[in-house]
Amino acid sequence: MPKPYTPNDKWSKRAAEEGYRARSVYKLMELDVRYHLLNQGMKVLDIGAAPGSWLQYTSDRIGPKGIALGLDLKEIKKIAPNVKTAVCDVNDEAAVEKAMADAGIAQADIVLSDIAPNTSGIKDVDQWRSIELSRMVVLFAKRHLRPGGRLVMKVFRGKNFDEFLAEVRQTWPNAKPYIVEASRDRSREVYVVCK
């Protein structure tokens, strides 16, 4: 039997103690340690970035010469001088291009996505919605990554996951799924790391 959902789990408490906006920051930290994703001076696009914990961590990792742009449908409170944000739909190419130009990013070194659908509680529906969002993320990354750039995205596992991973590997043959420790026990999320 799965453990009941507890919003104030150890990761949430740790995030509050360490000044991060959400527990999800520890997922990015773990991925960064394992795959060496972020370096000084990088240009980073973070889609579905609210409330901004991934941007907080990214800001420190890329340093003052790097720049991160967080895109979301919700406003994100100011983080640091090397972090810009924009309220926009990532399917609105004109809005994305403007936000990137305003941030001084022509092409990104890495695209990060912790985006997830509004869940219905119906596992197959939620997984399908997650796959559709992830397909959108893949198209976004193809448009905005520099050659050799990397992509990290969250996807819900389910019956369509293997098919989706095969699609991703047509562009990124070395794409790897990874389950982070900071995910909740009952979570079906997996991160796909592409380089």
N, C-alpha and C. Protein backbone atom coordinates (compact mmCIF):
# COMPACT_ATOMS: atom_id res chain seq x y z
N MET A 1 0.85 -1.19 0.00
CA MET A 1 0.00 0.00 0.00
C MET A 1 0.89 1.25 0.00
N PRO A 2 0.61 2.21 -0.90
CA PRO A 2 1.46 3.40 -0.96
C PRO A 2 1.32 4.28 0.27
N LYS A 3 2.40 5.00 0.57
CA LYS A 3 2.36 5.93 1.70
C LYS A 3 1.42 7.09 1.36
N PRO A 4 0.71 7.62 2.35
CA PRO A 4 -0.17 8.76 2.07
C PRO A 4 0.67 9.99 1.71
N TYR A 5 0.06 10.85 0.91
CA TYR A 5 0.72 12.08 0.50
C TYR A 5 0.91 12.99 1.69
N THR A 6 2.13 13.45 1.90
CA THR A 6 2.42 14.38 2.98
C THR A 6 3.14 15.58 2.39
N PRO A 7 2.45 16.72 2.27
CA PRO A 7 3.06 17.88 1.64
C PRO A 7 4.29 18.40 2.38
N ASN A 8 4.38 18.13 3.68
CA ASN A 8 5.52 18.60 4.46
C ASN A 8 6.51 17.48 4.70
N ASP A 9 6.87 16.77 3.63
CA ASP A 9 7.83 15.69 3.75
C ASP A 9 9.24 16.25 3.98
N LYS A 10 10.23 15.37 4.10
CA LYS A 10 11.60 15.83 4.43
C LYS A 10 12.17 16.76 3.38
N TRP A 11 11.83 16.55 2.10
CA TRP A 11 12.36 17.40 1.04
C TRP A 11 11.75 18.80 1.11
N SER A 12 10.46 18.87 1.39
CA SER A 12 9.79 20.17 1.52
C SER A 12 10.35 20.94 2.71
N LYS A 13 10.56 20.24 3.83
CA LYS A 13 11.12 20.89 5.02
C LYS A 13 12.53 21.39 4.75
N ARG A 14 13.31 20.56 4.07
CA ARG A 14 14.69 20.94 3.75
C ARG A 14 14.70 22.16 2.83
N ALA A 15 13.81 22.17 1.82
CA ALA A 15 13.74 23.31 0.90
C ALA A 15 13.42 24.59 1.66
N ALA A 16 12.47 24.53 2.58
CA ALA A 16 12.10 25.71 3.37
C ALA A 16 13.29 26.17 4.22
N GLU A 17 13.98 25.22 4.84
CA GLU A 17 15.13 25.57 5.68
C GLU A 17 16.26 26.19 4.87
N GLU A 18 16.45 25.72 3.63
CA GLU A 18 17.57 26.19 2.81
C GLU A 18 17.19 27.36 1.88
N GLY A 19 15.95 27.83 1.97
CA GLY A 19 15.54 29.01 1.22
C GLY A 19 15.14 28.75 -0.22
N TYR A 20 14.85 27.50 -0.57
CA TYR A 20 14.40 27.20 -1.93
C TYR A 20 12.88 27.27 -1.99
N ARG A 21 12.36 27.62 -3.15
CA ARG A 21 10.93 27.83 -3.31
C ARG A 21 10.12 26.54 -3.42
N ALA A 22 10.78 25.43 -3.74
CA ALA A 22 10.06 24.15 -3.87
C ALA A 22 11.02 22.98 -3.67
N ARG A 23 10.47 21.86 -3.28
CA ARG A 23 11.25 20.64 -3.04
C ARG A 23 11.86 20.09 -4.32
N SER A 24 11.32 20.48 -5.46
CA SER A 24 11.81 19.96 -6.75
C SER A 24 13.26 20.32 -7.02
N VAL A 25 13.80 21.31 -6.30
CA VAL A 25 15.19 21.70 -6.51
C VAL A 25 16.13 20.51 -6.29
N TYR A 26 15.78 19.61 -5.38
CA TYR A 26 16.67 18.48 -5.08
C TYR A 26 16.69 17.46 -6.22
N LYS A 27 15.66 17.48 -7.03
CA LYS A 27 15.66 16.62 -8.22
C LYS A 27 16.71 17.13 -9.21
N LEU A 28 16.72 18.44 -9.44
CA LEU A 28 17.72 19.01 -10.35
C LEU A 28 19.12 18.84 -9.79
N MET A 29 19.29 19.04 -8.50
CA MET A 29 20.61 18.86 -7.89
C MET A 29 21.14 17.44 -8.15
N GLU A 30 20.28 16.46 -7.91
CA GLU A 30 20.68 15.06 -8.11
C GLU A 30 21.04 14.80 -9.57
N LEU A 31 20.22 15.31 -10.48
CA LEU A 31 20.50 15.14 -11.91
C LEU A 31 21.81 15.82 -12.29
N ASP A 32 22.07 16.99 -11.74
CA ASP A 32 23.29 17.74 -12.04
C ASP A 32 24.52 16.99 -11.53
N VAL A 33 24.44 16.45 -10.33
CA VAL A 33 25.57 15.69 -9.78
C VAL A 33 25.85 14.47 -10.65
N ARG A 34 24.80 13.79 -11.06
CA ARG A 34 24.97 12.55 -11.84
C ARG A 34 25.45 12.81 -13.27
N TYR A 35 24.88 13.84 -13.92
CA TYR A 35 25.15 14.05 -15.35
C TYR A 35 25.96 15.31 -15.66
N HIS A 36 26.38 16.06 -14.65
CA HIS A 36 27.19 17.27 -14.86
C HIS A 36 26.53 18.19 -15.90
N LEU A 37 25.32 18.63 -15.58
CA LEU A 37 24.50 19.39 -16.51
C LEU A 37 24.87 20.86 -16.62
N LEU A 38 25.18 21.47 -15.49
CA LEU A 38 25.31 22.93 -15.43
C LEU A 38 26.74 23.35 -15.13
N ASN A 39 27.22 24.37 -15.87
CA ASN A 39 28.56 24.89 -15.68
C ASN A 39 28.55 26.41 -15.76
N GLN A 40 29.62 27.00 -15.30
CA GLN A 40 29.77 28.45 -15.33
C GLN A 40 29.60 28.98 -16.76
N GLY A 41 28.88 30.09 -16.89
CA GLY A 41 28.76 30.78 -18.16
C GLY A 41 27.72 30.23 -19.13
N MET A 42 26.97 29.21 -18.72
CA MET A 42 25.99 28.60 -19.62
C MET A 42 24.78 29.50 -19.85
N LYS A 43 24.13 29.26 -20.99
CA LYS A 43 22.84 29.87 -21.30
C LYS A 43 21.79 28.77 -21.14
N VAL A 44 20.82 29.02 -20.25
CA VAL A 44 19.87 28.00 -19.84
C VAL A 44 18.44 28.47 -20.08
N LEU A 45 17.62 27.60 -20.65
CA LEU A 45 16.18 27.85 -20.75
C LEU A 45 15.47 26.85 -19.84
N ASP A 46 14.64 27.36 -18.94
CA ASP A 46 13.87 26.53 -18.01
C ASP A 46 12.40 26.76 -18.31
N ILE A 47 11.73 25.73 -18.84
CA ILE A 47 10.31 25.90 -19.18
C ILE A 47 9.43 25.21 -18.15
N GLY A 48 8.31 25.87 -17.86
CA GLY A 48 7.48 25.42 -16.75
C GLY A 48 8.21 25.72 -15.45
N ALA A 49 8.81 26.91 -15.37
CA ALA A 49 9.80 27.22 -14.34
C ALA A 49 9.24 27.63 -12.98
N ALA A 50 7.98 28.01 -12.90
CA ALA A 50 7.43 28.47 -11.61
C ALA A 50 7.40 27.30 -10.61
N PRO A 51 7.64 27.57 -9.35
CA PRO A 51 7.85 28.86 -8.71
C PRO A 51 9.28 29.39 -8.78
N GLY A 52 10.22 28.56 -9.28
CA GLY A 52 11.56 29.09 -9.52
C GLY A 52 12.69 28.41 -8.77
N SER A 53 12.44 27.29 -8.12
CA SER A 53 13.53 26.64 -7.36
C SER A 53 14.64 26.14 -8.28
N TRP A 54 14.28 25.65 -9.47
CA TRP A 54 15.33 25.21 -10.41
C TRP A 54 16.16 26.41 -10.85
N LEU A 55 15.53 27.56 -11.04
CA LEU A 55 16.25 28.76 -11.42
C LEU A 55 17.17 29.24 -10.29
N GLN A 56 16.74 29.10 -9.05
CA GLN A 56 17.59 29.47 -7.91
C GLN A 56 18.89 28.66 -7.94
N TYR A 57 18.76 27.35 -8.11
CA TYR A 57 19.93 26.48 -8.14
C TYR A 57 20.78 26.78 -9.38
N THR A 58 20.13 26.92 -10.53
CA THR A 58 20.83 27.18 -11.78
C THR A 58 21.64 28.47 -11.70
N SER A 59 21.07 29.50 -11.09
CA SER A 59 21.74 30.79 -10.95
C SER A 59 23.11 30.63 -10.31
N ASP A 60 23.19 29.87 -9.24
CA ASP A 60 24.47 29.65 -8.56
C ASP A 60 25.43 28.85 -9.43
N ARG A 61 24.92 27.85 -10.13
CA ARG A 61 25.79 26.95 -10.92
C ARG A 61 26.36 27.62 -12.17
N ILE A 62 25.61 28.54 -12.78
CA ILE A 62 26.11 29.16 -14.01
C ILE A 62 26.90 30.44 -13.74
N GLY A 63 26.79 30.96 -12.55
CA GLY A 63 27.58 32.12 -12.16
C GLY A 63 27.17 33.41 -12.86
N PRO A 64 27.87 34.51 -12.56
CA PRO A 64 27.48 35.82 -13.08
C PRO A 64 27.63 35.97 -14.59
N LYS A 65 28.44 35.15 -15.23
CA LYS A 65 28.60 35.24 -16.69
C LYS A 65 27.58 34.39 -17.44
N GLY A 66 26.85 33.56 -16.72
CA GLY A 66 25.79 32.76 -17.33
C GLY A 66 24.48 33.53 -17.30
N ILE A 67 23.51 33.00 -18.03
CA ILE A 67 22.17 33.59 -18.02
C ILE A 67 21.14 32.47 -18.10
N ALA A 68 20.13 32.58 -17.27
CA ALA A 68 19.03 31.63 -17.29
C ALA A 68 17.73 32.38 -17.55
N LEU A 69 16.90 31.79 -18.37
CA LEU A 69 15.59 32.36 -18.67
C LEU A 69 14.53 31.35 -18.28
N GLY A 70 13.65 31.75 -17.38
CA GLY A 70 12.55 30.90 -16.95
C GLY A 70 11.26 31.32 -17.62
N LEU A 71 10.59 30.37 -18.25
CA LEU A 71 9.32 30.63 -18.93
C LEU A 71 8.21 29.85 -18.25
N ASP A 72 7.09 30.52 -18.01
CA ASP A 72 5.95 29.85 -17.38
C ASP A 72 4.69 30.67 -17.66
N LEU A 73 3.55 30.03 -17.49
CA LEU A 73 2.28 30.73 -17.61
C LEU A 73 2.00 31.59 -16.37
N LYS A 74 2.75 31.30 -15.28
CA LYS A 74 2.61 32.06 -14.03
C LYS A 74 3.83 32.96 -13.85
N GLU A 75 3.61 34.07 -13.17
CA GLU A 75 4.71 34.98 -12.89
C GLU A 75 5.66 34.36 -11.86
N ILE A 76 6.95 34.61 -12.04
CA ILE A 76 7.98 34.11 -11.14
C ILE A 76 8.64 35.31 -10.48
N LYS A 77 8.69 35.30 -9.14
CA LYS A 77 9.31 36.42 -8.43
C LYS A 77 10.80 36.48 -8.73
N LYS A 78 11.35 37.69 -8.67
CA LYS A 78 12.77 37.93 -8.99
C LYS A 78 13.67 36.99 -8.21
N ILE A 79 14.70 36.50 -8.89
CA ILE A 79 15.62 35.54 -8.27
C ILE A 79 17.03 36.11 -8.14
N ALA A 80 17.65 36.49 -9.26
CA ALA A 80 19.03 36.96 -9.24
C ALA A 80 19.30 37.74 -10.52
N PRO A 81 20.38 38.53 -10.55
CA PRO A 81 20.68 39.31 -11.76
C PRO A 81 20.91 38.45 -13.01
N ASN A 82 21.38 37.22 -12.85
CA ASN A 82 21.64 36.37 -14.01
C ASN A 82 20.45 35.50 -14.38
N VAL A 83 19.29 35.79 -13.81
CA VAL A 83 18.05 35.05 -14.11
C VAL A 83 16.99 36.02 -14.60
N LYS A 84 16.48 35.75 -15.77
CA LYS A 84 15.37 36.52 -16.34
C LYS A 84 14.16 35.59 -16.39
N THR A 85 12.98 36.17 -16.36
CA THR A 85 11.76 35.36 -16.45
C THR A 85 10.77 36.03 -17.39
N ALA A 86 9.88 35.24 -17.93
CA ALA A 86 8.83 35.78 -18.79
C ALA A 86 7.57 34.94 -18.62
N VAL A 87 6.45 35.62 -18.58
CA VAL A 87 5.16 34.93 -18.56
C VAL A 87 4.76 34.73 -20.01
N CYS A 88 4.81 33.48 -20.46
CA CYS A 88 4.41 33.20 -21.83
C CYS A 88 4.17 31.71 -22.03
N ASP A 89 3.41 31.41 -23.05
CA ASP A 89 3.16 30.03 -23.47
C ASP A 89 4.31 29.65 -24.40
N VAL A 90 4.98 28.54 -24.11
CA VAL A 90 6.14 28.18 -24.93
C VAL A 90 5.75 27.77 -26.35
N ASN A 91 4.45 27.61 -26.62
CA ASN A 91 3.99 27.37 -27.98
C ASN A 91 3.86 28.66 -28.78
N ASP A 92 3.92 29.81 -28.10
CA ASP A 92 3.84 31.11 -28.75
C ASP A 92 5.26 31.52 -29.15
N GLU A 93 5.66 31.15 -30.34
CA GLU A 93 7.05 31.33 -30.77
C GLU A 93 7.48 32.79 -30.75
N ALA A 94 6.59 33.70 -31.11
CA ALA A 94 6.94 35.13 -31.10
C ALA A 94 7.26 35.58 -29.67
N ALA A 95 6.46 35.15 -28.71
CA ALA A 95 6.69 35.52 -27.31
C ALA A 95 8.00 34.91 -26.79
N VAL A 96 8.27 33.66 -27.16
CA VAL A 96 9.51 33.01 -26.75
C VAL A 96 10.71 33.73 -27.34
N GLU A 97 10.65 34.03 -28.63
CA GLU A 97 11.77 34.72 -29.30
C GLU A 97 12.04 36.08 -28.65
N LYS A 98 10.97 36.80 -28.31
CA LYS A 98 11.15 38.10 -27.66
C LYS A 98 11.80 37.94 -26.29
N ALA A 99 11.31 36.97 -25.51
CA ALA A 99 11.88 36.73 -24.17
C ALA A 99 13.34 36.34 -24.27
N MET A 100 13.69 35.50 -25.24
CA MET A 100 15.08 35.10 -25.42
C MET A 100 15.94 36.29 -25.83
N ALA A 101 15.44 37.10 -26.74
CA ALA A 101 16.20 38.28 -27.19
C ALA A 101 16.40 39.25 -26.02
N ASP A 102 15.33 39.46 -25.24
CA ASP A 102 15.44 40.36 -24.07
C ASP A 102 16.46 39.84 -23.06
N ALA A 103 16.59 38.51 -22.95
CA ALA A 103 17.54 37.91 -22.01
C ALA A 103 18.94 37.81 -22.59
N GLY A 104 19.09 38.05 -23.90
CA GLY A 104 20.40 37.94 -24.53
C GLY A 104 20.79 36.51 -24.85
N ILE A 105 19.80 35.66 -25.13
CA ILE A 105 20.06 34.26 -25.49
C ILE A 105 19.63 34.03 -26.93
N ALA A 106 20.60 33.71 -27.78
CA ALA A 106 20.27 33.35 -29.16
C ALA A 106 19.94 31.85 -29.23
N GLN A 107 20.79 31.04 -28.62
CA GLN A 107 20.55 29.60 -28.51
C GLN A 107 21.00 29.18 -27.12
N ALA A 108 20.35 28.15 -26.59
CA ALA A 108 20.65 27.68 -25.24
C ALA A 108 21.65 26.53 -25.26
N ASP A 109 22.41 26.44 -24.18
CA ASP A 109 23.28 25.28 -23.98
C ASP A 109 22.49 24.10 -23.44
N ILE A 110 21.42 24.40 -22.69
CA ILE A 110 20.60 23.35 -22.11
C ILE A 110 19.16 23.85 -21.94
N VAL A 111 18.22 22.96 -22.18
CA VAL A 111 16.80 23.22 -21.88
C VAL A 111 16.41 22.30 -20.73
N LEU A 112 15.85 22.90 -19.68
CA LEU A 112 15.37 22.16 -18.53
C LEU A 112 13.85 22.24 -18.51
N SER A 113 13.21 21.13 -18.16
CA SER A 113 11.75 21.14 -18.06
C SER A 113 11.29 20.22 -16.94
N ASP A 114 10.65 20.82 -15.95
CA ASP A 114 10.01 20.07 -14.87
C ASP A 114 8.49 20.22 -15.01
N ILE A 115 8.07 20.53 -16.23
CA ILE A 115 6.66 20.80 -16.51
C ILE A 115 5.83 19.53 -16.34
N ALA A 116 4.63 19.70 -15.82
CA ALA A 116 3.72 18.57 -15.64
C ALA A 116 2.30 19.04 -15.92
N PRO A 117 1.46 18.14 -16.38
CA PRO A 117 0.07 18.53 -16.63
C PRO A 117 -0.70 18.70 -15.32
N ASN A 118 -1.81 19.42 -15.40
CA ASN A 118 -2.74 19.41 -14.28
C ASN A 118 -3.29 17.99 -14.21
N THR A 119 -3.12 17.36 -13.06
CA THR A 119 -3.49 15.95 -12.97
C THR A 119 -4.97 15.77 -12.68
N SER A 120 -5.51 14.69 -13.25
CA SER A 120 -6.93 14.37 -13.09
C SER A 120 -7.14 13.27 -12.06
N GLY A 121 -6.07 12.54 -11.75
CA GLY A 121 -6.20 11.38 -10.88
C GLY A 121 -6.41 10.09 -11.67
N ILE A 122 -6.63 10.22 -12.97
CA ILE A 122 -6.77 9.05 -13.84
C ILE A 122 -5.40 8.81 -14.47
N LYS A 123 -4.72 7.75 -14.04
CA LYS A 123 -3.32 7.55 -14.40
C LYS A 123 -3.07 7.57 -15.90
N ASP A 124 -3.88 6.87 -16.68
CA ASP A 124 -3.65 6.81 -18.13
C ASP A 124 -3.82 8.19 -18.78
N VAL A 125 -4.80 8.94 -18.32
CA VAL A 125 -5.04 10.28 -18.87
C VAL A 125 -3.88 11.20 -18.51
N ASP A 126 -3.47 11.16 -17.24
CA ASP A 126 -2.37 12.02 -16.80
C ASP A 126 -1.07 11.68 -17.52
N GLN A 127 -0.84 10.38 -17.73
CA GLN A 127 0.38 9.96 -18.43
C GLN A 127 0.35 10.42 -19.88
N TRP A 128 -0.80 10.30 -20.52
CA TRP A 128 -0.94 10.75 -21.91
C TRP A 128 -0.69 12.26 -22.00
N ARG A 129 -1.25 13.02 -21.07
CA ARG A 129 -1.04 14.47 -21.06
C ARG A 129 0.43 14.81 -20.85
N SER A 130 1.09 14.06 -19.99
CA SER A 130 2.52 14.27 -19.76
C SER A 130 3.33 14.01 -21.02
N ILE A 131 3.00 12.95 -21.73
CA ILE A 131 3.69 12.63 -22.99
C ILE A 131 3.48 13.76 -24.01
N GLU A 132 2.26 14.26 -24.10
CA GLU A 132 1.98 15.35 -25.05
C GLU A 132 2.77 16.61 -24.68
N LEU A 133 2.83 16.94 -23.39
CA LEU A 133 3.63 18.08 -22.96
C LEU A 133 5.11 17.85 -23.30
N SER A 134 5.57 16.63 -23.09
CA SER A 134 6.98 16.32 -23.35
C SER A 134 7.29 16.38 -24.83
N ARG A 135 6.35 16.01 -25.68
CA ARG A 135 6.56 16.17 -27.12
C ARG A 135 6.72 17.65 -27.47
N MET A 136 5.94 18.50 -26.81
CA MET A 136 6.06 19.94 -27.00
C MET A 136 7.44 20.42 -26.55
N VAL A 137 7.93 19.88 -25.42
CA VAL A 137 9.25 20.24 -24.91
C VAL A 137 10.33 19.84 -25.92
N VAL A 138 10.20 18.66 -26.50
CA VAL A 138 11.18 18.20 -27.50
C VAL A 138 11.22 19.15 -28.69
N LEU A 139 10.06 19.55 -29.19
CA LEU A 139 10.02 20.49 -30.32
C LEU A 139 10.64 21.83 -29.95
N PHE A 140 10.35 22.29 -28.74
CA PHE A 140 10.92 23.53 -28.23
C PHE A 140 12.45 23.43 -28.21
N ALA A 141 12.96 22.33 -27.67
CA ALA A 141 14.40 22.14 -27.56
C ALA A 141 15.06 22.09 -28.93
N LYS A 142 14.42 21.42 -29.89
CA LYS A 142 14.99 21.35 -31.23
C LYS A 142 15.14 22.75 -31.85
N ARG A 143 14.21 23.65 -31.52
CA ARG A 143 14.25 25.01 -32.07
C ARG A 143 15.28 25.89 -31.38
N HIS A 144 15.51 25.66 -30.08
CA HIS A 144 16.24 26.64 -29.30
C HIS A 144 17.57 26.18 -28.71
N LEU A 145 17.93 24.92 -28.90
CA LEU A 145 19.23 24.45 -28.41
C LEU A 145 20.32 24.68 -29.45
N ARG A 146 21.50 25.00 -28.99
CA ARG A 146 22.64 25.05 -29.90
C ARG A 146 23.00 23.62 -30.30
N PRO A 147 23.72 23.44 -31.39
CA PRO A 147 24.18 22.09 -31.74
C PRO A 147 25.00 21.49 -30.60
N GLY A 148 24.68 20.27 -30.23
CA GLY A 148 25.36 19.63 -29.10
C GLY A 148 24.78 19.98 -27.75
N GLY A 149 23.70 20.79 -27.74
CA GLY A 149 23.07 21.17 -26.47
C GLY A 149 22.36 20.00 -25.81
N ARG A 150 21.94 20.21 -24.57
CA ARG A 150 21.32 19.14 -23.79
C ARG A 150 19.88 19.48 -23.41
N LEU A 151 19.13 18.44 -23.14
CA LEU A 151 17.73 18.56 -22.75
C LEU A 151 17.48 17.65 -21.56
N VAL A 152 16.81 18.17 -20.54
CA VAL A 152 16.39 17.37 -19.39
C VAL A 152 14.91 17.67 -19.17
N MET A 153 14.08 16.60 -19.19
CA MET A 153 12.64 16.82 -19.04
C MET A 153 12.00 15.73 -18.20
N LYS A 154 10.95 16.14 -17.49
CA LYS A 154 10.18 15.20 -16.69
C LYS A 154 9.07 14.60 -17.54
N VAL A 155 8.86 13.30 -17.36
CA VAL A 155 7.79 12.58 -18.06
C VAL A 155 7.16 11.61 -17.06
N PHE A 156 5.87 11.40 -17.16
CA PHE A 156 5.23 10.36 -16.34
C PHE A 156 5.34 9.02 -17.05
N ARG A 157 5.77 8.00 -16.32
CA ARG A 157 5.86 6.65 -16.88
C ARG A 157 4.47 6.05 -17.05
N GLY A 158 4.34 5.20 -18.06
CA GLY A 158 3.08 4.52 -18.34
C GLY A 158 3.20 3.78 -19.65
N LYS A 159 2.08 3.40 -20.19
CA LYS A 159 2.12 2.53 -21.37
C LYS A 159 2.71 3.20 -22.60
N ASN A 160 2.71 4.53 -22.70
CA ASN A 160 3.26 5.21 -23.87
C ASN A 160 4.71 5.64 -23.70
N PHE A 161 5.27 5.37 -22.53
CA PHE A 161 6.61 5.91 -22.24
C PHE A 161 7.69 5.34 -23.16
N ASP A 162 7.71 4.03 -23.37
CA ASP A 162 8.75 3.42 -24.21
C ASP A 162 8.68 3.95 -25.65
N GLU A 163 7.48 4.12 -26.15
CA GLU A 163 7.29 4.67 -27.49
C GLU A 163 7.83 6.10 -27.56
N PHE A 164 7.53 6.90 -26.53
CA PHE A 164 8.01 8.28 -26.48
C PHE A 164 9.54 8.31 -26.41
N LEU A 165 10.13 7.46 -25.57
CA LEU A 165 11.59 7.43 -25.44
C LEU A 165 12.24 7.07 -26.78
N ALA A 166 11.62 6.15 -27.51
CA ALA A 166 12.13 5.79 -28.84
C ALA A 166 12.08 6.99 -29.79
N GLU A 167 11.02 7.79 -29.70
CA GLU A 167 10.92 9.01 -30.51
C GLU A 167 12.05 9.98 -30.17
N VAL A 168 12.29 10.16 -28.87
CA VAL A 168 13.33 11.08 -28.42
C VAL A 168 14.70 10.62 -28.93
N ARG A 169 14.92 9.32 -28.90
CA ARG A 169 16.23 8.77 -29.31
C ARG A 169 16.49 8.90 -30.81
N GLN A 170 15.48 9.27 -31.58
CA GLN A 170 15.73 9.56 -32.99
C GLN A 170 16.57 10.82 -33.14
N THR A 171 16.43 11.76 -32.20
CA THR A 171 17.22 12.98 -32.20
C THR A 171 18.42 12.86 -31.26
N TRP A 172 18.18 12.29 -30.07
CA TRP A 172 19.23 12.13 -29.06
C TRP A 172 19.40 10.63 -28.78
N PRO A 173 20.24 9.94 -29.54
CA PRO A 173 20.36 8.48 -29.39
C PRO A 173 20.77 8.03 -27.98
N ASN A 174 21.45 8.90 -27.24
CA ASN A 174 21.90 8.53 -25.90
C ASN A 174 20.95 8.96 -24.80
N ALA A 175 19.71 9.31 -25.13
CA ALA A 175 18.74 9.73 -24.11
C ALA A 175 18.58 8.64 -23.06
N LYS A 176 18.64 9.05 -21.79
CA LYS A 176 18.57 8.08 -20.69
C LYS A 176 17.47 8.47 -19.71
N PRO A 177 16.64 7.51 -19.32
CA PRO A 177 15.66 7.78 -18.26
C PRO A 177 16.33 7.61 -16.90
N TYR A 178 15.93 8.45 -15.95
CA TYR A 178 16.53 8.40 -14.62
C TYR A 178 15.46 8.75 -13.59
N ILE A 179 15.38 7.96 -12.54
CA ILE A 179 14.43 8.21 -11.45
C ILE A 179 15.20 8.83 -10.29
N VAL A 180 14.78 10.00 -9.87
CA VAL A 180 15.50 10.71 -8.81
C VAL A 180 15.00 10.29 -7.43
N GLU A 181 15.90 10.35 -6.47
CA GLU A 181 15.58 9.97 -5.10
C GLU A 181 14.54 10.90 -4.48
N ALA A 182 14.57 12.18 -4.88
CA ALA A 182 13.68 13.18 -4.27
C ALA A 182 12.24 13.08 -4.77
N SER A 183 11.96 12.20 -5.73
CA SER A 183 10.57 11.99 -6.15
C SER A 183 9.81 11.29 -5.03
N ARG A 184 8.54 11.59 -4.94
CA ARG A 184 7.72 10.91 -3.93
C ARG A 184 7.59 9.43 -4.27
N ASP A 185 7.45 8.60 -3.25
CA ASP A 185 7.38 7.14 -3.45
C ASP A 185 6.29 6.75 -4.43
N ARG A 186 5.17 7.45 -4.39
CA ARG A 186 4.04 7.08 -5.23
C ARG A 186 4.10 7.72 -6.62
N SER A 187 5.15 8.50 -6.87
CA SER A 187 5.25 9.23 -8.13
C SER A 187 5.61 8.31 -9.29
N ARG A 188 5.07 8.65 -10.47
CA ARG A 188 5.39 7.91 -11.71
C ARG A 188 6.34 8.73 -12.57
N GLU A 189 6.93 9.77 -12.02
CA GLU A 189 7.76 10.63 -12.83
C GLU A 189 9.15 10.02 -13.05
N VAL A 190 9.67 10.30 -14.22
CA VAL A 190 11.03 9.92 -14.58
C VAL A 190 11.60 11.10 -15.36
N TYR A 191 12.89 11.31 -15.24
CA TYR A 191 13.54 12.37 -16.00
C TYR A 191 14.29 11.76 -17.17
N VAL A 192 14.16 12.38 -18.32
CA VAL A 192 14.87 11.92 -19.51
C VAL A 192 15.98 12.93 -19.78
N VAL A 193 17.20 12.43 -19.77
CA VAL A 193 18.39 13.27 -19.94
C VAL A 193 18.94 13.02 -21.34
N CYS A 194 19.00 14.08 -22.14
CA CYS A 194 19.40 13.96 -23.55
C CYS A 194 20.62 14.81 -23.81
N LYS A 195 21.59 14.23 -24.51
CA LYS A 195 22.76 15.02 -24.93
C LYS A 195 23.23 14.56 -26.29
